[in-house]
Every structure is written in C-alpha cells, then in structure tokens.
Amino acid sequence: MKLRNAVVSSVVLAVSTFAVHAQTLGISTGVTKVDLAEGFVSALSSLHVAPAPIGASELKGTTIDFPILTGHFDTSDDKAEIIHSGGLSLTAGGTVVDLRDFIIDTTGAMPIITGLVELDGKVVGRLTLFDLSLKEAALDSDGCVLIIKNVDVTLDKGAAATLNSVFKISALAGGLNIGTAKVIAVHH
C-alpha cells in the first residue's frame, strides 16, 4: 500500500509541476491593431513623410493592422514575444525607411517593439523602435484568445534619433505618442 501511495503521490506531484510550467501559451495567428495618435499623424504630415503599409499590413484611416505569425505568452507573469509580418513604410522625398516584421517583446526590463529596419532597400538591422505601456492582458472566456488592449505605444529615443538623422530633421523625440495598440492573438 505504501508503494501505491508513493506512486500516486509522485504522479500528482508530476502533474502539479507540469500544470505550473504549462502556463506558456503558443500563439498561432492574430492581429495587432494600432490607432495612430493624431499628433503623430500630424507630425508626419508636417514633415512631408508619407506612411504606407507593407505586405499584409493594412492602413485604414489612422488605424494600421499587423498580422501575427507566431509567439508565446506566459499567463503567470505576462511575459511574451509576439512576431508579426507586414510593417510600415515612411517616405520623404527620395528617402524610404521600411519598418517591418515587428516583435512585441515583454521579456526584458521594459516592454518594447523591435523591427527590421531597411533604408532605401538596404537592411540596417533589427532595432528597438517603440516602447510600450501594458495595462490589460486577459484570455477570453474560452481561454483560446489572448487580448491585450489599451497599450500605449511611444517612439523609442534611439529610433527617434535614427529617424531624425535619416530624414535630416530634428522634430522627432523619444516618448512621442505613436498611438494605442490592441493585440488579439489566438493560441494553439
């Protein structure tokens, strides 16, 4: 009987341990929508910078969508990495800056968005572009859809310096309000 109880206790402990570690959800699809701030749109317009969607992204009015390809989200501490396709192109005169393949990363000290940056068709590298302020993350009632809403998106100071240099301006500053994002991610 003691052996049977020991086996049952071991199985219960193993299942409990698995349940604690099984809080990471794989993400298989979804979309991140960003409602661009009026101040950001006005700043682009006054600088004669034209935004345009890249790839599968869609720009409707002042809302741009970025399709989610994959990712992971830990429900115990809201740490996540969410990988997107598409992007945003910024054009002024003959200069084109493409910001693409965004990754939302909340695993570090600050939640950020990185992106692959191309200047006039040449890869510059993956840079931190935006800083995030996360407020609400929850699973829907079925536990299948992760919804992160009311995410404040601001321009990272390094990205601001890079864009100022590329476009030969000084108008962009770190902390510039880019807009508010909502992430809708389906887990598998």
C-alpha atoms as a PDB file:
ATOM      1  CA  MET A   1       0.000   0.000   0.000  1.00  0.00           C
ATOM      2  CA  LYS A   2       2.870   2.392   0.800  1.00  0.00           C
ATOM      3  CA  LEU A   3       4.353   1.799  -2.653  1.00  0.00           C
ATOM      4  CA  ARG A   4       0.992   2.513  -4.287  1.00  0.00           C
ATOM      5  CA  ASN A   5       0.583   5.757  -2.271  1.00  0.00           C
ATOM      6  CA  ALA A   6       4.140   6.772  -3.168  1.00  0.00           C
ATOM      7  CA  VAL A   7       3.417   6.193  -6.880  1.00  0.00           C
ATOM      8  CA  VAL A   8       0.137   8.132  -6.670  1.00  0.00           C
ATOM      9  CA  SER A   9       1.897  10.970  -4.811  1.00  0.00           C
ATOM     10  CA  SER A  10       4.650  11.041  -7.469  1.00  0.00           C
ATOM     11  CA  VAL A  11       2.086  11.199 -10.286  1.00  0.00           C
ATOM     12  CA  VAL A  12       0.158  14.005  -8.524  1.00  0.00           C
ATOM     13  CA  LEU A  13       3.396  15.921  -7.955  1.00  0.00           C
ATOM     14  CA  ALA A  14       4.450  15.438 -11.600  1.00  0.00           C
ATOM     15  CA  VAL A  15       1.034  16.621 -12.870  1.00  0.00           C
ATOM     16  CA  SER A  16       1.088  19.613 -10.483  1.00  0.00           C
ATOM     17  CA  THR A  17       4.601  20.543 -11.603  1.00  0.00           C
ATOM     18  CA  PHE A  18       3.557  20.263 -15.269  1.00  0.00           C
ATOM     19  CA  ALA A  19       0.499  22.454 -14.618  1.00  0.00           C
ATOM     20  CA  VAL A  20       2.675  25.162 -13.054  1.00  0.00           C
ATOM     21  CA  HIS A  21       5.016  25.142 -16.058  1.00  0.00           C
ATOM     22  CA  ALA A  22       2.213  24.789 -18.618  1.00  0.00           C
ATOM     23  CA  GLN A  23       1.265  28.456 -18.320  1.00  0.00           C
ATOM     24  CA  THR A  24       3.031  29.419 -21.532  1.00  0.00           C
ATOM     25  CA  LEU A  25       0.661  29.563 -24.477  1.00  0.00           C
ATOM     26  CA  GLY A  26       1.796  29.210 -28.062  1.00  0.00           C
ATOM     27  CA  ILE A  27       0.309  31.824 -30.390  1.00  0.00           C
ATOM     28  CA  SER A  28      -0.537  30.744 -33.929  1.00  0.00           C
ATOM     29  CA  THR A  29      -2.300  33.729 -35.505  1.00  0.00           C
ATOM     30  CA  GLY A  30      -3.974  37.050 -34.808  1.00  0.00           C
ATOM     31  CA  VAL A  31      -3.544  40.750 -35.378  1.00  0.00           C
ATOM     32  CA  THR A  32      -2.172  43.814 -33.643  1.00  0.00           C
ATOM     33  CA  LYS A  33      -4.117  46.991 -34.419  1.00  0.00           C
ATOM     34  CA  VAL A  34      -2.611  50.399 -33.743  1.00  0.00           C
ATOM     35  CA  ASP A  35      -4.773  53.507 -33.681  1.00  0.00           C
ATOM     36  CA  LEU A  36      -2.231  56.165 -34.644  1.00  0.00           C
ATOM     37  CA  ALA A  37      -2.237  59.269 -32.456  1.00  0.00           C
ATOM     38  CA  GLU A  38      -3.383  62.497 -34.094  1.00  0.00           C
ATOM     39  CA  GLY A  39      -0.147  64.203 -33.021  1.00  0.00           C
ATOM     40  CA  PHE A  40       1.962  61.515 -34.705  1.00  0.00           C
ATOM     41  CA  VAL A  41      -0.045  61.669 -37.931  1.00  0.00           C
ATOM     42  CA  SER A  42       0.179  65.496 -37.904  1.00  0.00           C
ATOM     43  CA  ALA A  43       3.945  65.365 -37.270  1.00  0.00           C
ATOM     44  CA  LEU A  44       4.439  63.033 -40.242  1.00  0.00           C
ATOM     45  CA  SER A  45       2.298  65.267 -42.435  1.00  0.00           C
ATOM     46  CA  SER A  46       4.112  68.462 -41.407  1.00  0.00           C
ATOM     47  CA  LEU A  47       7.454  66.759 -42.155  1.00  0.00           C
ATOM     48  CA  HIS A  48       6.123  65.590 -45.549  1.00  0.00           C
ATOM     49  CA  VAL A  49       6.622  61.951 -44.526  1.00  0.00           C
ATOM     50  CA  ALA A  50       4.083  59.621 -46.125  1.00  0.00           C
ATOM     51  CA  PRO A  51       3.244  56.410 -44.236  1.00  0.00           C
ATOM     52  CA  ALA A  52       2.171  53.293 -46.139  1.00  0.00           C
ATOM     53  CA  PRO A  53       1.518  49.688 -45.146  1.00  0.00           C
ATOM     54  CA  ILE A  54       3.985  46.949 -46.107  1.00  0.00           C
ATOM     55  CA  GLY A  55       2.985  43.429 -47.126  1.00  0.00           C
ATOM     56  CA  ALA A  56      -0.099  42.063 -45.372  1.00  0.00           C
ATOM     57  CA  SER A  57      -0.493  45.143 -43.156  1.00  0.00           C
ATOM     58  CA  GLU A  58      -3.484  47.376 -43.808  1.00  0.00           C
ATOM     59  CA  LEU A  59      -3.779  51.105 -43.179  1.00  0.00           C
ATOM     60  CA  LYS A  60      -7.384  52.282 -42.913  1.00  0.00           C
ATOM     61  CA  GLY A  61      -7.689  55.916 -41.948  1.00  0.00           C
ATOM     62  CA  THR A  62      -5.427  56.218 -38.920  1.00  0.00           C
ATOM     63  CA  THR A  63      -5.540  52.529 -37.922  1.00  0.00           C
ATOM     64  CA  ILE A  64      -2.879  50.095 -39.101  1.00  0.00           C
ATOM     65  CA  ASP A  65      -3.041  46.313 -38.695  1.00  0.00           C
ATOM     66  CA  PHE A  66      -0.045  43.996 -38.349  1.00  0.00           C
ATOM     67  CA  PRO A  67      -0.760  40.243 -38.785  1.00  0.00           C
ATOM     68  CA  ILE A  68       0.596  37.969 -36.045  1.00  0.00           C
ATOM     69  CA  LEU A  69       2.593  34.982 -37.282  1.00  0.00           C
ATOM     70  CA  THR A  70       3.562  33.219 -34.054  1.00  0.00           C
ATOM     71  CA  GLY A  71       4.662  33.793 -30.499  1.00  0.00           C
ATOM     72  CA  HIS A  72       4.442  32.757 -26.869  1.00  0.00           C
ATOM     73  CA  PHE A  73       2.716  34.281 -23.856  1.00  0.00           C
ATOM     74  CA  ASP A  74       3.188  33.251 -20.222  1.00  0.00           C
ATOM     75  CA  THR A  75      -0.061  33.699 -18.300  1.00  0.00           C
ATOM     76  CA  SER A  76       1.693  33.728 -14.925  1.00  0.00           C
ATOM     77  CA  ASP A  77       3.722  36.896 -15.498  1.00  0.00           C
ATOM     78  CA  ASP A  78       2.538  38.341 -18.866  1.00  0.00           C
ATOM     79  CA  LYS A  79       5.968  37.811 -20.441  1.00  0.00           C
ATOM     80  CA  ALA A  80       5.589  37.434 -24.190  1.00  0.00           C
ATOM     81  CA  GLU A  81       7.206  37.513 -27.562  1.00  0.00           C
ATOM     82  CA  ILE A  82       4.765  38.056 -30.428  1.00  0.00           C
ATOM     83  CA  ILE A  83       6.093  38.016 -34.000  1.00  0.00           C
ATOM     84  CA  HIS A  84       4.354  39.918 -36.802  1.00  0.00           C
ATOM     85  CA  SER A  85       4.525  40.181 -40.575  1.00  0.00           C
ATOM     86  CA  GLY A  86       3.995  43.320 -42.603  1.00  0.00           C
ATOM     87  CA  GLY A  87       5.108  46.724 -41.442  1.00  0.00           C
ATOM     88  CA  LEU A  88       5.114  50.435 -42.096  1.00  0.00           C
ATOM     89  CA  SER A  89       6.964  52.362 -44.792  1.00  0.00           C
ATOM     90  CA  LEU A  90       7.903  56.024 -44.255  1.00  0.00           C
ATOM     91  CA  THR A  91       8.776  58.022 -47.388  1.00  0.00           C
ATOM     92  CA  ALA A  92      10.026  61.600 -47.655  1.00  0.00           C
ATOM     93  CA  GLY A  93      11.392  62.811 -50.959  1.00  0.00           C
ATOM     94  CA  GLY A  94      13.678  60.066 -52.249  1.00  0.00           C
ATOM     95  CA  THR A  95      14.260  58.505 -48.830  1.00  0.00           C
ATOM     96  CA  VAL A  96      12.336  55.368 -47.869  1.00  0.00           C
ATOM     97  CA  VAL A  97      12.515  53.777 -44.417  1.00  0.00           C
ATOM     98  CA  ASP A  98      10.773  50.438 -44.037  1.00  0.00           C
ATOM     99  CA  LEU A  99       9.956  49.223 -40.526  1.00  0.00           C
ATOM    100  CA  ARG A 100       8.914  45.582 -40.801  1.00  0.00           C
ATOM    101  CA  ASP A 101       8.490  42.236 -39.067  1.00  0.00           C
ATOM    102  CA  PHE A 102       7.733  43.726 -35.666  1.00  0.00           C
ATOM    103  CA  ILE A 103       8.292  41.729 -32.481  1.00  0.00           C
ATOM    104  CA  ILE A 104       6.469  42.666 -29.294  1.00  0.00           C
ATOM    105  CA  ASP A 105       8.871  41.693 -26.505  1.00  0.00           C
ATOM    106  CA  THR A 106       7.846  41.920 -22.854  1.00  0.00           C
ATOM    107  CA  THR A 107      10.613  39.645 -21.537  1.00  0.00           C
ATOM    108  CA  GLY A 108      13.070  42.406 -20.624  1.00  0.00           C
ATOM    109  CA  ALA A 109      13.048  45.271 -18.160  1.00  0.00           C
ATOM    110  CA  MET A 110      10.748  47.332 -20.432  1.00  0.00           C
ATOM    111  CA  PRO A 111       8.124  46.106 -22.907  1.00  0.00           C
ATOM    112  CA  ILE A 112       9.263  47.084 -26.406  1.00  0.00           C
ATOM    113  CA  ILE A 113       8.662  46.566 -30.100  1.00  0.00           C
ATOM    114  CA  THR A 114      11.644  45.800 -32.278  1.00  0.00           C
ATOM    115  CA  GLY A 115      11.570  45.882 -36.041  1.00  0.00           C
ATOM    116  CA  LEU A 116      13.741  45.113 -39.004  1.00  0.00           C
ATOM    117  CA  VAL A 117      14.755  48.476 -40.457  1.00  0.00           C
ATOM    118  CA  GLU A 118      15.599  48.997 -44.126  1.00  0.00           C
ATOM    119  CA  LEU A 119      16.865  52.273 -45.568  1.00  0.00           C
ATOM    120  CA  ASP A 120      16.333  52.696 -49.306  1.00  0.00           C
ATOM    121  CA  GLY A 121      16.090  48.934 -49.740  1.00  0.00           C
ATOM    122  CA  LYS A 122      19.189  48.061 -47.667  1.00  0.00           C
ATOM    123  CA  VAL A 123      18.914  46.258 -44.336  1.00  0.00           C
ATOM    124  CA  VAL A 124      20.107  48.385 -41.411  1.00  0.00           C
ATOM    125  CA  GLY A 125      19.286  45.807 -38.717  1.00  0.00           C
ATOM    126  CA  ARG A 126      16.769  44.923 -36.020  1.00  0.00           C
ATOM    127  CA  LEU A 127      16.293  47.952 -33.754  1.00  0.00           C
ATOM    128  CA  THR A 128      14.165  48.869 -30.768  1.00  0.00           C
ATOM    129  CA  LEU A 129      11.540  51.143 -32.306  1.00  0.00           C
ATOM    130  CA  PHE A 130       8.787  51.632 -29.771  1.00  0.00           C
ATOM    131  CA  ASP A 131       8.326  51.494 -26.013  1.00  0.00           C
ATOM    132  CA  LEU A 132       5.120  50.011 -24.624  1.00  0.00           C
ATOM    133  CA  SER A 133       2.983  50.549 -21.565  1.00  0.00           C
ATOM    134  CA  LEU A 134       0.878  47.432 -20.966  1.00  0.00           C
ATOM    135  CA  LYS A 135      -2.302  47.774 -18.941  1.00  0.00           C
ATOM    136  CA  GLU A 136      -4.699  44.905 -19.647  1.00  0.00           C
ATOM    137  CA  ALA A 137      -3.908  41.355 -20.747  1.00  0.00           C
ATOM    138  CA  ALA A 138      -6.516  38.614 -20.474  1.00  0.00           C
ATOM    139  CA  LEU A 139      -7.686  35.399 -22.072  1.00  0.00           C
ATOM    140  CA  ASP A 140     -11.221  35.267 -23.428  1.00  0.00           C
ATOM    141  CA  SER A 141     -13.801  33.111 -21.653  1.00  0.00           C
ATOM    142  CA  ASP A 142     -12.843  30.047 -23.740  1.00  0.00           C
ATOM    143  CA  GLY A 143      -9.148  30.528 -22.973  1.00  0.00           C
ATOM    144  CA  CYS A 144      -8.326  30.497 -26.699  1.00  0.00           C
ATOM    145  CA  VAL A 145      -7.761  34.174 -27.476  1.00  0.00           C
ATOM    146  CA  LEU A 146      -5.315  36.474 -25.732  1.00  0.00           C
ATOM    147  CA  ILE A 147      -6.428  40.103 -25.737  1.00  0.00           C
ATOM    148  CA  ILE A 148      -4.040  42.871 -24.736  1.00  0.00           C
ATOM    149  CA  LYS A 149      -5.725  46.248 -25.018  1.00  0.00           C
ATOM    150  CA  ASN A 150      -5.061  49.889 -24.253  1.00  0.00           C
ATOM    151  CA  VAL A 151      -1.324  49.509 -24.957  1.00  0.00           C
ATOM    152  CA  ASP A 152       0.350  52.911 -25.127  1.00  0.00           C
ATOM    153  CA  VAL A 153       2.964  52.971 -27.919  1.00  0.00           C
ATOM    154  CA  THR A 154       5.672  55.647 -27.842  1.00  0.00           C
ATOM    155  CA  LEU A 155       8.699  56.256 -30.042  1.00  0.00           C
ATOM    156  CA  ASP A 156      11.926  54.912 -28.538  1.00  0.00           C
ATOM    157  CA  LYS A 157      14.582  57.633 -28.141  1.00  0.00           C
ATOM    158  CA  GLY A 158      17.131  55.644 -30.186  1.00  0.00           C
ATOM    159  CA  ALA A 159      14.619  55.200 -33.008  1.00  0.00           C
ATOM    160  CA  ALA A 160      13.801  58.925 -32.867  1.00  0.00           C
ATOM    161  CA  ALA A 161      17.499  59.815 -33.242  1.00  0.00           C
ATOM    162  CA  THR A 162      17.848  57.394 -36.168  1.00  0.00           C
ATOM    163  CA  LEU A 163      14.773  58.735 -37.991  1.00  0.00           C
ATOM    164  CA  ASN A 164      15.858  62.356 -37.396  1.00  0.00           C
ATOM    165  CA  SER A 165      19.262  61.541 -38.887  1.00  0.00           C
ATOM    166  CA  VAL A 166      17.861  59.669 -41.892  1.00  0.00           C
ATOM    167  CA  PHE A 167      15.259  62.301 -42.771  1.00  0.00           C
ATOM    168  CA  LYS A 168      17.581  65.214 -41.835  1.00  0.00           C
ATOM    169  CA  ILE A 169      15.132  66.624 -39.301  1.00  0.00           C
ATOM    170  CA  SER A 170      15.113  67.214 -35.543  1.00  0.00           C
ATOM    171  CA  ALA A 171      11.385  67.101 -34.869  1.00  0.00           C
ATOM    172  CA  LEU A 172      11.068  63.547 -33.528  1.00  0.00           C
ATOM    173  CA  ALA A 173      11.767  62.833 -29.877  1.00  0.00           C
ATOM    174  CA  GLY A 174      11.775  59.773 -27.682  1.00  0.00           C
ATOM    175  CA  GLY A 175       8.449  59.394 -25.917  1.00  0.00           C
ATOM    176  CA  LEU A 176       6.435  60.766 -28.863  1.00  0.00           C
ATOM    177  CA  ASN A 177       2.965  59.236 -28.650  1.00  0.00           C
ATOM    178  CA  ILE A 178       2.574  56.908 -31.642  1.00  0.00           C
ATOM    179  CA  GLY A 179      -0.844  55.596 -30.657  1.00  0.00           C
ATOM    180  CA  THR A 180      -2.738  52.906 -28.801  1.00  0.00           C
ATOM    181  CA  ALA A 181      -2.494  49.229 -29.685  1.00  0.00           C
ATOM    182  CA  LYS A 182      -4.748  46.236 -29.219  1.00  0.00           C
ATOM    183  CA  VAL A 183      -3.374  42.708 -29.636  1.00  0.00           C
ATOM    184  CA  ILE A 184      -5.737  39.858 -30.481  1.00  0.00           C
ATOM    185  CA  ALA A 185      -3.762  36.601 -30.516  1.00  0.00           C
ATOM    186  CA  VAL A 186      -5.157  33.085 -30.957  1.00  0.00           C
ATOM    187  CA  HIS A 187      -3.255  30.369 -29.146  1.00  0.00           C
ATOM    188  CA  HIS A 188      -2.915  26.798 -30.297  1.00  0.00           C
END
